C-alpha atoms as a PDB file:
ATOM      1  CA  MET A   1      17.014   1.253 -16.042  1.00  0.00           C
ATOM      2  CA  LYS A   2      19.362   2.949 -13.636  1.00  0.00           C
ATOM      3  CA  ILE A   3      19.519   0.755 -10.547  1.00  0.00           C
ATOM      4  CA  THR A   4      20.567   1.478  -6.981  1.00  0.00           C
ATOM      5  CA  ALA A   5      21.010  -1.709  -4.971  1.00  0.00           C
ATOM      6  CA  VAL A   6      20.933  -1.895  -1.185  1.00  0.00           C
ATOM      7  CA  VAL A   7      22.139  -4.593   1.183  1.00  0.00           C
ATOM      8  CA  VAL A   8      21.204  -4.303   4.853  1.00  0.00           C
ATOM      9  CA  LEU A   9      24.049  -5.709   6.936  1.00  0.00           C
ATOM     10  CA  TYR A  10      23.896  -7.240  10.403  1.00  0.00           C
ATOM     11  CA  ASN A  11      27.016  -9.150  11.456  1.00  0.00           C
ATOM     12  CA  PRO A  12      27.636 -10.280   7.855  1.00  0.00           C
ATOM     13  CA  GLY A  13      29.577 -13.447   7.094  1.00  0.00           C
ATOM     14  CA  ASN A  14      32.683 -13.992   5.009  1.00  0.00           C
ATOM     15  CA  ASP A  15      30.577 -14.746   1.931  1.00  0.00           C
ATOM     16  CA  LEU A  16      29.462 -11.108   1.570  1.00  0.00           C
ATOM     17  CA  ALA A  17      31.917 -10.229  -1.199  1.00  0.00           C
ATOM     18  CA  GLN A  18      31.082 -13.380  -3.151  1.00  0.00           C
ATOM     19  CA  ASN A  19      27.354 -12.688  -2.891  1.00  0.00           C
ATOM     20  CA  ILE A  20      27.727  -9.059  -3.969  1.00  0.00           C
ATOM     21  CA  GLY A  21      29.781 -10.208  -6.933  1.00  0.00           C
ATOM     22  CA  THR A  22      26.776 -11.972  -8.468  1.00  0.00           C
ATOM     23  CA  TYR A  23      24.988  -8.698  -9.208  1.00  0.00           C
ATOM     24  CA  ILE A  24      27.206  -5.624  -8.689  1.00  0.00           C
ATOM     25  CA  HIS A  25      28.339  -5.591 -12.346  1.00  0.00           C
ATOM     26  CA  HIS A  26      24.788  -4.859 -13.475  1.00  0.00           C
ATOM     27  CA  VAL A  27      23.782  -2.108 -11.028  1.00  0.00           C
ATOM     28  CA  ASP A  28      24.819   1.532 -11.064  1.00  0.00           C
ATOM     29  CA  GLU A  29      25.496   1.883  -7.347  1.00  0.00           C
ATOM     30  CA  LEU A  30      25.390  -0.285  -4.237  1.00  0.00           C
ATOM     31  CA  VAL A  31      24.481   0.982  -0.781  1.00  0.00           C
ATOM     32  CA  LEU A  32      25.733  -1.108   2.133  1.00  0.00           C
ATOM     33  CA  TRP A  33      23.708  -0.016   5.143  1.00  0.00           C
ATOM     34  CA  ASP A  34      25.289  -1.485   8.254  1.00  0.00           C
ATOM     35  CA  ASN A  35      22.887  -2.176  11.117  1.00  0.00           C
ATOM     36  CA  THR A  36      25.608  -3.955  13.088  1.00  0.00           C
ATOM     37  CA  PRO A  37      26.130  -2.151  16.427  1.00  0.00           C
ATOM     38  CA  GLN A  38      29.561  -0.490  16.289  1.00  0.00           C
ATOM     39  CA  GLY A  39      29.949  -1.795  12.752  1.00  0.00           C
ATOM     40  CA  SER A  40      32.535  -0.338  10.400  1.00  0.00           C
ATOM     41  CA  ARG A  41      33.572  -0.812   6.802  1.00  0.00           C
ATOM     42  CA  GLU A  42      37.021  -1.938   7.966  1.00  0.00           C
ATOM     43  CA  LYS A  43      35.444  -5.020   9.566  1.00  0.00           C
ATOM     44  CA  LEU A  44      33.795  -6.170   6.330  1.00  0.00           C
ATOM     45  CA  ALA A  45      35.223  -8.957   4.206  1.00  0.00           C
ATOM     46  CA  LEU A  46      35.128  -6.997   0.948  1.00  0.00           C
ATOM     47  CA  SER A  47      38.574  -7.620  -0.493  1.00  0.00           C
ATOM     48  CA  GLY A  48      38.490  -8.537  -4.140  1.00  0.00           C
ATOM     49  CA  VAL A  49      35.040  -7.094  -4.864  1.00  0.00           C
ATOM     50  CA  ALA A  50      34.916  -5.949  -8.474  1.00  0.00           C
ATOM     51  CA  ASP A  51      33.423  -2.526  -9.204  1.00  0.00           C
ATOM     52  CA  SER A  52      34.072  -1.502  -5.600  1.00  0.00           C
ATOM     53  CA  HIS A  53      33.905   2.143  -6.713  1.00  0.00           C
ATOM     54  CA  LYS A  54      30.121   1.690  -6.905  1.00  0.00           C
ATOM     55  CA  ILE A  55      29.842   0.967  -3.177  1.00  0.00           C
ATOM     56  CA  SER A  56      28.683   3.476  -0.567  1.00  0.00           C
ATOM     57  CA  TYR A  57      28.919   2.460   3.088  1.00  0.00           C
ATOM     58  CA  LEU A  58      26.300   3.975   5.398  1.00  0.00           C
ATOM     59  CA  GLY A  59      24.972   3.407   8.901  1.00  0.00           C
ATOM     60  CA  SER A  60      24.741   4.969  12.324  1.00  0.00           C
ATOM     61  CA  GLY A  61      26.647   2.402  14.360  1.00  0.00           C
ATOM     62  CA  SER A  62      23.417   0.960  15.756  1.00  0.00           C
ATOM     63  CA  ASN A  63      20.560  -1.214  14.563  1.00  0.00           C
ATOM     64  CA  GLU A  64      18.046   1.115  12.917  1.00  0.00           C
ATOM     65  CA  GLY A  65      15.848  -1.680  11.572  1.00  0.00           C
ATOM     66  CA  ILE A  66      15.337  -2.835   8.005  1.00  0.00           C
ATOM     67  CA  GLY A  67      12.683  -0.283   7.036  1.00  0.00           C
ATOM     68  CA  SER A  68      14.867   2.656   7.983  1.00  0.00           C
ATOM     69  CA  ALA A  69      17.800   1.246   5.998  1.00  0.00           C
ATOM     70  CA  LEU A  70      15.686   0.633   2.892  1.00  0.00           C
ATOM     71  CA  ASN A  71      14.194   4.109   3.093  1.00  0.00           C
ATOM     72  CA  ALA A  72      17.663   5.651   3.332  1.00  0.00           C
ATOM     73  CA  ALA A  73      18.569   3.791   0.137  1.00  0.00           C
ATOM     74  CA  ILE A  74      15.462   5.181  -1.576  1.00  0.00           C
ATOM     75  CA  SER A  75      16.719   8.686  -0.757  1.00  0.00           C
ATOM     76  CA  VAL A  76      20.151   7.860  -2.186  1.00  0.00           C
ATOM     77  CA  ALA A  77      18.608   6.385  -5.328  1.00  0.00           C
ATOM     78  CA  SER A  78      16.374   9.400  -5.847  1.00  0.00           C
ATOM     79  CA  ALA A  79      19.199  11.869  -5.317  1.00  0.00           C
ATOM     80  CA  ASN A  80      21.373  10.050  -7.843  1.00  0.00           C
ATOM     81  CA  GLY A  81      18.710   9.830 -10.532  1.00  0.00           C
ATOM     82  CA  SER A  82      18.092   6.099 -10.345  1.00  0.00           C
ATOM     83  CA  THR A  83      14.859   4.677 -11.719  1.00  0.00           C
ATOM     84  CA  HIS A  84      14.766   1.434  -9.719  1.00  0.00           C
ATOM     85  CA  LEU A  85      15.782   0.046  -6.328  1.00  0.00           C
ATOM     86  CA  LEU A  86      17.109  -3.506  -5.898  1.00  0.00           C
ATOM     87  CA  THR A  87      16.862  -4.821  -2.337  1.00  0.00           C
ATOM     88  CA  MET A  88      19.140  -7.674  -1.254  1.00  0.00           C
ATOM     89  CA  ASP A  89      19.951  -9.680   1.874  1.00  0.00           C
ATOM     90  CA  GLN A  90      23.581 -10.060   2.877  1.00  0.00           C
ATOM     91  CA  ASP A  91      23.507 -13.860   2.494  1.00  0.00           C
ATOM     92  CA  SER A  92      21.644 -13.979  -0.841  1.00  0.00           C
ATOM     93  CA  SER A  93      23.171 -14.424  -4.271  1.00  0.00           C
ATOM     94  CA  PHE A  94      22.117 -15.085  -7.853  1.00  0.00           C
ATOM     95  CA  SER A  95      22.868 -18.267  -9.766  1.00  0.00           C
ATOM     96  CA  LYS A  96      25.084 -18.166 -12.864  1.00  0.00           C
ATOM     97  CA  ASP A  97      23.917 -15.342 -15.140  1.00  0.00           C
ATOM     98  CA  ASP A  98      20.436 -15.174 -13.658  1.00  0.00           C
ATOM     99  CA  PHE A  99      20.622 -11.542 -12.541  1.00  0.00           C
ATOM    100  CA  GLU A 100      21.499 -10.247 -15.999  1.00  0.00           C
ATOM    101  CA  SER A 101      18.741 -12.399 -17.513  1.00  0.00           C
ATOM    102  CA  TYR A 102      16.325 -11.176 -14.834  1.00  0.00           C
ATOM    103  CA  LEU A 103      17.005  -7.558 -15.813  1.00  0.00           C
ATOM    104  CA  LYS A 104      16.513  -8.328 -19.504  1.00  0.00           C
ATOM    105  CA  ALA A 105      13.202 -10.014 -18.696  1.00  0.00           C
ATOM    106  CA  ILE A 106      12.055  -6.946 -16.738  1.00  0.00           C
ATOM    107  CA  LEU A 107      12.902  -4.739 -19.725  1.00  0.00           C
ATOM    108  CA  ASP A 108      10.884  -7.030 -22.005  1.00  0.00           C
ATOM    109  CA  PHE A 109       7.997  -7.021 -19.518  1.00  0.00           C
ATOM    110  CA  GLY A 110       8.073  -3.245 -19.199  1.00  0.00           C
ATOM    111  CA  ALA A 111      10.418  -1.761 -16.646  1.00  0.00           C
ATOM    112  CA  ASP A 112       8.453   1.488 -16.506  1.00  0.00           C
ATOM    113  CA  ASN A 113       5.247  -0.229 -15.424  1.00  0.00           C
ATOM    114  CA  GLU A 114       4.090   0.299 -11.859  1.00  0.00           C
ATOM    115  CA  VAL A 115       4.924  -3.246 -10.817  1.00  0.00           C
ATOM    116  CA  ILE A 116       7.011  -4.798  -8.043  1.00  0.00           C
ATOM    117  CA  PHE A 117       9.350  -7.359  -9.624  1.00  0.00           C
ATOM    118  CA  SER A 118      10.616 -10.458  -7.832  1.00  0.00           C
ATOM    119  CA  THR A 119      12.461 -13.702  -8.500  1.00  0.00           C
ATOM    120  CA  ASN A 120      11.913 -17.307  -7.584  1.00  0.00           C
ATOM    121  CA  TYR A 121      13.876 -18.429  -4.522  1.00  0.00           C
ATOM    122  CA  PHE A 122      16.088 -21.465  -4.062  1.00  0.00           C
ATOM    123  CA  ILE A 123      15.902 -22.160  -0.319  1.00  0.00           C
ATOM    124  CA  LYS A 124      19.368 -23.468   0.466  1.00  0.00           C
ATOM    125  CA  SER A 125      18.566 -25.204   3.757  1.00  0.00           C
ATOM    126  CA  GLN A 126      15.653 -27.070   2.164  1.00  0.00           C
ATOM    127  CA  GLN A 127      17.333 -27.634  -1.216  1.00  0.00           C
ATOM    128  CA  SER A 128      14.119 -26.687  -3.002  1.00  0.00           C
ATOM    129  CA  THR A 129      12.535 -23.736  -4.763  1.00  0.00           C
ATOM    130  CA  LEU A 130       9.709 -21.659  -3.357  1.00  0.00           C
ATOM    131  CA  TYR A 131       7.758 -21.910  -6.632  1.00  0.00           C
ATOM    132  CA  PRO A 132       8.005 -24.462  -9.453  1.00  0.00           C
ATOM    133  CA  VAL A 133      10.660 -23.373 -11.936  1.00  0.00           C
ATOM    134  CA  GLU A 134       8.867 -22.459 -15.152  1.00  0.00           C
ATOM    135  CA  ASP A 135       9.110 -19.875 -17.898  1.00  0.00           C
ATOM    136  CA  SER A 136       6.313 -17.656 -16.639  1.00  0.00           C
ATOM    137  CA  VAL A 137       5.699 -14.320 -14.968  1.00  0.00           C
ATOM    138  CA  ASP A 138       2.925 -14.708 -12.432  1.00  0.00           C
ATOM    139  CA  ARG A 139       1.238 -12.391  -9.983  1.00  0.00           C
ATOM    140  CA  VAL A 140       1.987 -13.311  -6.355  1.00  0.00           C
ATOM    141  CA  SER A 141       0.677 -12.026  -3.042  1.00  0.00           C
ATOM    142  CA  SER A 142       4.010 -10.627  -1.898  1.00  0.00           C
ATOM    143  CA  CYS A 143       7.761 -10.917  -2.308  1.00  0.00           C
ATOM    144  CA  MET A 144      10.714 -11.182   0.015  1.00  0.00           C
ATOM    145  CA  THR A 145      13.019  -8.221   0.428  1.00  0.00           C
ATOM    146  CA  SER A 146      15.909  -9.999  -1.236  1.00  0.00           C
ATOM    147  CA  GLY A 147      15.974  -9.992  -5.017  1.00  0.00           C
ATOM    148  CA  SER A 148      13.074  -7.586  -5.454  1.00  0.00           C
ATOM    149  CA  ILE A 149      13.186  -4.578  -7.776  1.00  0.00           C
ATOM    150  CA  TYR A 150      10.980  -1.537  -7.205  1.00  0.00           C
ATOM    151  CA  PRO A 151      10.440   1.323  -9.657  1.00  0.00           C
ATOM    152  CA  LEU A 152      10.976   4.496  -7.618  1.00  0.00           C
ATOM    153  CA  THR A 153       7.624   5.756  -8.871  1.00  0.00           C
ATOM    154  CA  VAL A 154       5.824   3.259  -6.635  1.00  0.00           C
ATOM    155  CA  PHE A 155       7.293   4.951  -3.554  1.00  0.00           C
ATOM    156  CA  GLU A 156       6.014   8.292  -4.799  1.00  0.00           C
ATOM    157  CA  LYS A 157       2.535   6.799  -5.044  1.00  0.00           C
ATOM    158  CA  LEU A 158       2.477   4.557  -1.955  1.00  0.00           C
ATOM    159  CA  GLY A 159       4.937   6.109   0.448  1.00  0.00           C
ATOM    160  CA  ARG A 160       7.949   4.242   1.775  1.00  0.00           C
ATOM    161  CA  PHE A 161       8.591   1.086   3.797  1.00  0.00           C
ATOM    162  CA  ARG A 162       7.144   0.968   7.305  1.00  0.00           C
ATOM    163  CA  GLU A 163       9.936   1.615   9.764  1.00  0.00           C
ATOM    164  CA  ASP A 164       7.740   0.873  12.788  1.00  0.00           C
ATOM    165  CA  LEU A 165       7.675  -2.851  11.925  1.00  0.00           C
ATOM    166  CA  PHE A 166      11.453  -2.751  12.406  1.00  0.00           C
ATOM    167  CA  VAL A 167      12.228  -6.223  10.998  1.00  0.00           C
ATOM    168  CA  TRP A 168       9.656  -8.862  10.067  1.00  0.00           C
ATOM    169  CA  GLY A 169       6.919  -8.322   7.480  1.00  0.00           C
ATOM    170  CA  ILE A 170       8.186  -5.084   5.946  1.00  0.00           C
ATOM    171  CA  ASP A 171       8.395  -6.616   2.478  1.00  0.00           C
ATOM    172  CA  CYS A 172       4.990  -8.321   2.696  1.00  0.00           C
ATOM    173  CA  GLU A 173       3.257  -5.210   3.999  1.00  0.00           C
ATOM    174  CA  PHE A 174       4.534  -3.103   1.104  1.00  0.00           C
ATOM    175  CA  SER A 175       3.285  -5.628  -1.464  1.00  0.00           C
ATOM    176  CA  TRP A 176      -0.110  -5.842   0.243  1.00  0.00           C
ATOM    177  CA  ARG A 177      -0.381  -2.067   0.410  1.00  0.00           C
ATOM    178  CA  ALA A 178       0.561  -1.860  -3.257  1.00  0.00           C
ATOM    179  CA  SER A 179      -2.035  -4.446  -4.241  1.00  0.00           C
ATOM    180  CA  ARG A 180      -4.792  -2.416  -2.601  1.00  0.00           C
ATOM    181  CA  ARG A 181      -3.727   0.498  -4.822  1.00  0.00           C
ATOM    182  CA  GLY A 182      -3.697  -1.597  -7.979  1.00  0.00           C
ATOM    183  CA  ILE A 183       0.074  -2.210  -8.125  1.00  0.00           C
ATOM    184  CA  PRO A 184       0.811  -5.937  -8.509  1.00  0.00           C
ATOM    185  CA  THR A 185       3.803  -7.960  -7.382  1.00  0.00           C
ATOM    186  CA  VAL A 186       5.004 -10.365 -10.069  1.00  0.00           C
ATOM    187  CA  CYS A 187       7.451 -13.254  -9.899  1.00  0.00           C
ATOM    188  CA  PHE A 188       9.775 -14.358 -12.718  1.00  0.00           C
ATOM    189  CA  LYS A 189       9.772 -18.036 -11.825  1.00  0.00           C
ATOM    190  CA  ASN A 190      12.673 -19.173 -13.985  1.00  0.00           C
ATOM    191  CA  PHE A 191      15.281 -16.953 -12.290  1.00  0.00           C
ATOM    192  CA  LEU A 192      16.606 -18.231  -8.980  1.00  0.00           C
ATOM    193  CA  LEU A 193      17.923 -16.317  -6.008  1.00  0.00           C
ATOM    194  CA  GLN A 194      19.975 -18.414  -3.585  1.00  0.00           C
ATOM    195  CA  HIS A 195      18.342 -17.606  -0.276  1.00  0.00           C
ATOM    196  CA  ASP A 196      17.707 -18.969   3.188  1.00  0.00           C
ATOM    197  CA  LEU A 197      14.866 -18.613   5.654  1.00  0.00           C
ATOM    198  CA  GLY A 198      15.926 -17.771   9.165  1.00  0.00           C
ATOM    199  CA  TYR A 199      18.648 -19.753  10.880  1.00  0.00           C
ATOM    200  CA  GLN A 200      17.822 -23.376  10.130  1.00  0.00           C
ATOM    201  CA  LYS A 201      20.739 -25.554  11.215  1.00  0.00           C
ATOM    202  CA  LYS A 202      19.726 -29.197  11.682  1.00  0.00           C
ATOM    203  CA  LYS A 203      16.799 -31.485  10.891  1.00  0.00           C
ATOM    204  CA  HIS A 204      15.270 -33.635  13.628  1.00  0.00           C
ATOM    205  CA  LYS A 205      12.741 -36.426  14.016  1.00  0.00           C
ATOM    206  CA  LEU A 206       9.674 -35.613  16.115  1.00  0.00           C
ATOM    207  CA  LEU A 207       6.815 -38.110  16.500  1.00  0.00           C
ATOM    208  CA  GLY A 208       7.950 -39.887  13.367  1.00  0.00           C
ATOM    209  CA  LYS A 209       8.059 -36.731  11.260  1.00  0.00           C
ATOM    210  CA  GLU A 210      11.040 -34.748  10.042  1.00  0.00           C
ATOM    211  CA  VAL A 211      11.141 -31.204  11.446  1.00  0.00           C
ATOM    212  CA  PHE A 212      13.512 -28.362  10.660  1.00  0.00           C
ATOM    213  CA  PRO A 213      13.451 -25.764  13.480  1.00  0.00           C
ATOM    214  CA  ASN A 214      13.927 -22.181  12.408  1.00  0.00           C
ATOM    215  CA  GLU A 215      16.280 -21.077  15.170  1.00  0.00           C
ATOM    216  CA  TYR A 216      15.572 -17.364  15.219  1.00  0.00           C
ATOM    217  CA  SER A 217      17.248 -15.141  17.798  1.00  0.00           C
ATOM    218  CA  PRO A 218      15.152 -13.838  20.711  1.00  0.00           C
ATOM    219  CA  ASP A 219      14.611 -10.428  19.107  1.00  0.00           C
ATOM    220  CA  ARG A 220      13.694 -11.879  15.734  1.00  0.00           C
ATOM    221  CA  SER A 221      11.321 -14.321  17.464  1.00  0.00           C
ATOM    222  CA  TYR A 222       9.606 -11.350  19.098  1.00  0.00           C
ATOM    223  CA  TYR A 223       9.089  -9.441  15.835  1.00  0.00           C
ATOM    224  CA  ASN A 224       7.848 -12.532  13.999  1.00  0.00           C
ATOM    225  CA  VAL A 225       5.023 -13.003  16.486  1.00  0.00           C
ATOM    226  CA  ARG A 226       4.161  -9.351  17.134  1.00  0.00           C
ATOM    227  CA  ASN A 227       4.256  -8.107  13.575  1.00  0.00           C
ATOM    228  CA  GLY A 228       2.238 -11.039  12.284  1.00  0.00           C
ATOM    229  CA  MET A 229      -0.543 -10.173  14.716  1.00  0.00           C
ATOM    230  CA  VAL A 230      -0.407  -6.466  13.863  1.00  0.00           C
ATOM    231  CA  LEU A 231      -0.401  -7.134  10.126  1.00  0.00           C
ATOM    232  CA  HIS A 232      -3.332  -9.535  10.425  1.00  0.00           C
ATOM    233  CA  ALA A 233      -5.360  -6.695  11.899  1.00  0.00           C
ATOM    234  CA  LEU A 234      -4.384  -4.486   8.941  1.00  0.00           C
ATOM    235  CA  TYR A 235      -4.537  -7.092   6.153  1.00  0.00           C
ATOM    236  CA  PRO A 236      -6.804  -9.951   7.281  1.00  0.00           C
ATOM    237  CA  GLU A 237      -7.209 -11.077   3.679  1.00  0.00           C
ATOM    238  CA  ASN A 238      -3.466 -11.701   3.369  1.00  0.00           C
ATOM    239  CA  ILE A 239      -2.320 -13.298   6.614  1.00  0.00           C
ATOM    240  CA  ASN A 240      -3.896 -16.311   8.309  1.00  0.00           C
ATOM    241  CA  ILE A 241      -3.369 -15.580  11.979  1.00  0.00           C
ATOM    242  CA  LYS A 242      -4.005 -19.167  13.101  1.00  0.00           C
ATOM    243  CA  ALA A 243      -1.381 -20.524  10.718  1.00  0.00           C
ATOM    244  CA  HIS A 244       1.021 -17.715  11.600  1.00  0.00           C
ATOM    245  CA  LEU A 245       0.829 -18.325  15.347  1.00  0.00           C
ATOM    246  CA  ARG A 246       0.977 -22.087  14.874  1.00  0.00           C
ATOM    247  CA  TYR A 247       4.300 -21.727  13.066  1.00  0.00           C
ATOM    248  CA  HIS A 248       5.890 -18.747  14.853  1.00  0.00           C
ATOM    249  CA  PHE A 249       4.493 -19.189  18.383  1.00  0.00           C
ATOM    250  CA  TYR A 250       3.179 -22.649  19.318  1.00  0.00           C
ATOM    251  CA  LYS A 251       5.694 -24.755  17.360  1.00  0.00           C
ATOM    252  CA  ARG A 252       8.535 -22.499  18.442  1.00  0.00           C
ATOM    253  CA  ILE A 253       7.681 -23.107  22.104  1.00  0.00           C
ATOM    254  CA  VAL A 254       8.143 -26.850  21.528  1.00  0.00           C
ATOM    255  CA  PHE A 255      11.194 -26.554  19.277  1.00  0.00           C
ATOM    256  CA  ILE A 256      12.951 -24.206  21.700  1.00  0.00           C
ATOM    257  CA  LEU A 257      12.362 -26.701  24.516  1.00  0.00           C
ATOM    258  CA  LEU A 258      13.677 -29.649  22.535  1.00  0.00           C
ATOM    259  CA  TYR A 259      16.371 -28.301  20.253  1.00  0.00           C
ATOM    260  CA  GLU A 260      17.398 -24.660  20.737  1.00  0.00           C
ATOM    261  CA  ASN A 261      19.621 -22.722  23.108  1.00  0.00           C
ATOM    262  CA  GLN A 262      18.759 -19.459  24.909  1.00  0.00           C
ATOM    263  CA  LYS A 263      15.517 -21.118  25.978  1.00  0.00           C
ATOM    264  CA  PHE A 264      14.362 -18.584  28.578  1.00  0.00           C
ATOM    265  CA  ALA A 265      15.272 -15.553  26.429  1.00  0.00           C
ATOM    266  CA  LYS A 266      13.412 -16.969  23.429  1.00  0.00           C
ATOM    267  CA  TRP A 267      10.329 -18.004  25.411  1.00  0.00           C
ATOM    268  CA  LYS A 268      10.187 -14.534  26.936  1.00  0.00           C
ATOM    269  CA  ALA A 269      10.524 -12.983  23.487  1.00  0.00           C
ATOM    270  CA  LEU A 270       7.627 -15.066  22.167  1.00  0.00           C
ATOM    271  CA  TRP A 271       5.428 -14.093  25.099  1.00  0.00           C
ATOM    272  CA  ASP A 272       6.370 -10.407  24.844  1.00  0.00           C
ATOM    273  CA  GLY A 273       5.651 -10.505  21.120  1.00  0.00           C
ATOM    274  CA  TYR A 274       2.237 -12.045  21.738  1.00  0.00           C
ATOM    275  CA  LYS A 275       1.316  -9.457  24.388  1.00  0.00           C
ATOM    276  CA  ASP A 276       2.542  -6.526  22.297  1.00  0.00           C
ATOM    277  CA  GLY A 277       0.808  -7.921  19.229  1.00  0.00           C
ATOM    278  CA  LEU A 278      -2.497  -7.975  21.092  1.00  0.00           C
ATOM    279  CA  ALA A 279      -1.864  -4.378  22.140  1.00  0.00           C
ATOM    280  CA  GLY A 280      -0.961  -3.329  18.594  1.00  0.00           C
ATOM    281  CA  MET A 281       2.447  -2.039  19.673  1.00  0.00           C
ATOM    282  CA  LEU A 282       5.022  -1.132  17.020  1.00  0.00           C
ATOM    283  CA  GLY A 283       8.572   0.182  16.878  1.00  0.00           C
ATOM    284  CA  LYS A 284      11.777  -1.279  18.264  1.00  0.00           C
ATOM    285  CA  ARG A 285      11.382  -3.921  20.946  1.00  0.00           C
ATOM    286  CA  ARG A 286      11.390  -2.485  24.427  1.00  0.00           C
ATOM    287  CA  THR A 287      13.503  -4.629  26.753  1.00  0.00           C
ATOM    288  CA  ILE A 288      14.024  -4.344  30.503  1.00  0.00           C
END
């Protein structure tokens, strides 16, 4: 395998170099696509990164969305003769030697197969794994962007990531599209990616139950609602719209009231997302 990795940046934290260090040794090149408005390489905490010669820094100085960044990395990978694309989040990292073992397992499985490869996830805020940790490779409905490896041949067959979703659901949609064309997504459940969901900060007690609000920003709140509704219309077999709205719309209204800041901006974002979802609107959020 010749692997191009991509990390989409948006106001990255000081742990970026440490996170990159858990996998850069085992990839051939790393694309840092910076979606931070007015971002620059000089602002990144990258001192001490080993194999820094592998890193390419790209971006337009504005937020182009995740799909656009991933598609730019596909072009880089193709131009440089890579066979696979690794997609990573800026705050994700691999445990111990898990990334090297993950690559060996893919080679044993068959790296040239038309398959989307993914890891198990250790959700840091919840201190638990997404799937039980076991020595198995199982087909799953979809994978998260972070930690997934795509043979470039699947993009030739399916097309690229949907840029019009902008943020939420881009990874799920690609897996669902692939499944309809006979390309499975598989999870290696014994390899863990350290990952987090959203911006969970503090647990609370509500009506005797423990709750853990996912304190998304206003824009992210908008895309979560809108894109879920749009994707339900496209893939009704894969997304339960009642469960999606219960989590991303109705519960958020309550949690924002009780626990979160930017209350008006977030409520407006939820409502705008709901209206635009009903209308089937896509692309970058239009704000007044």
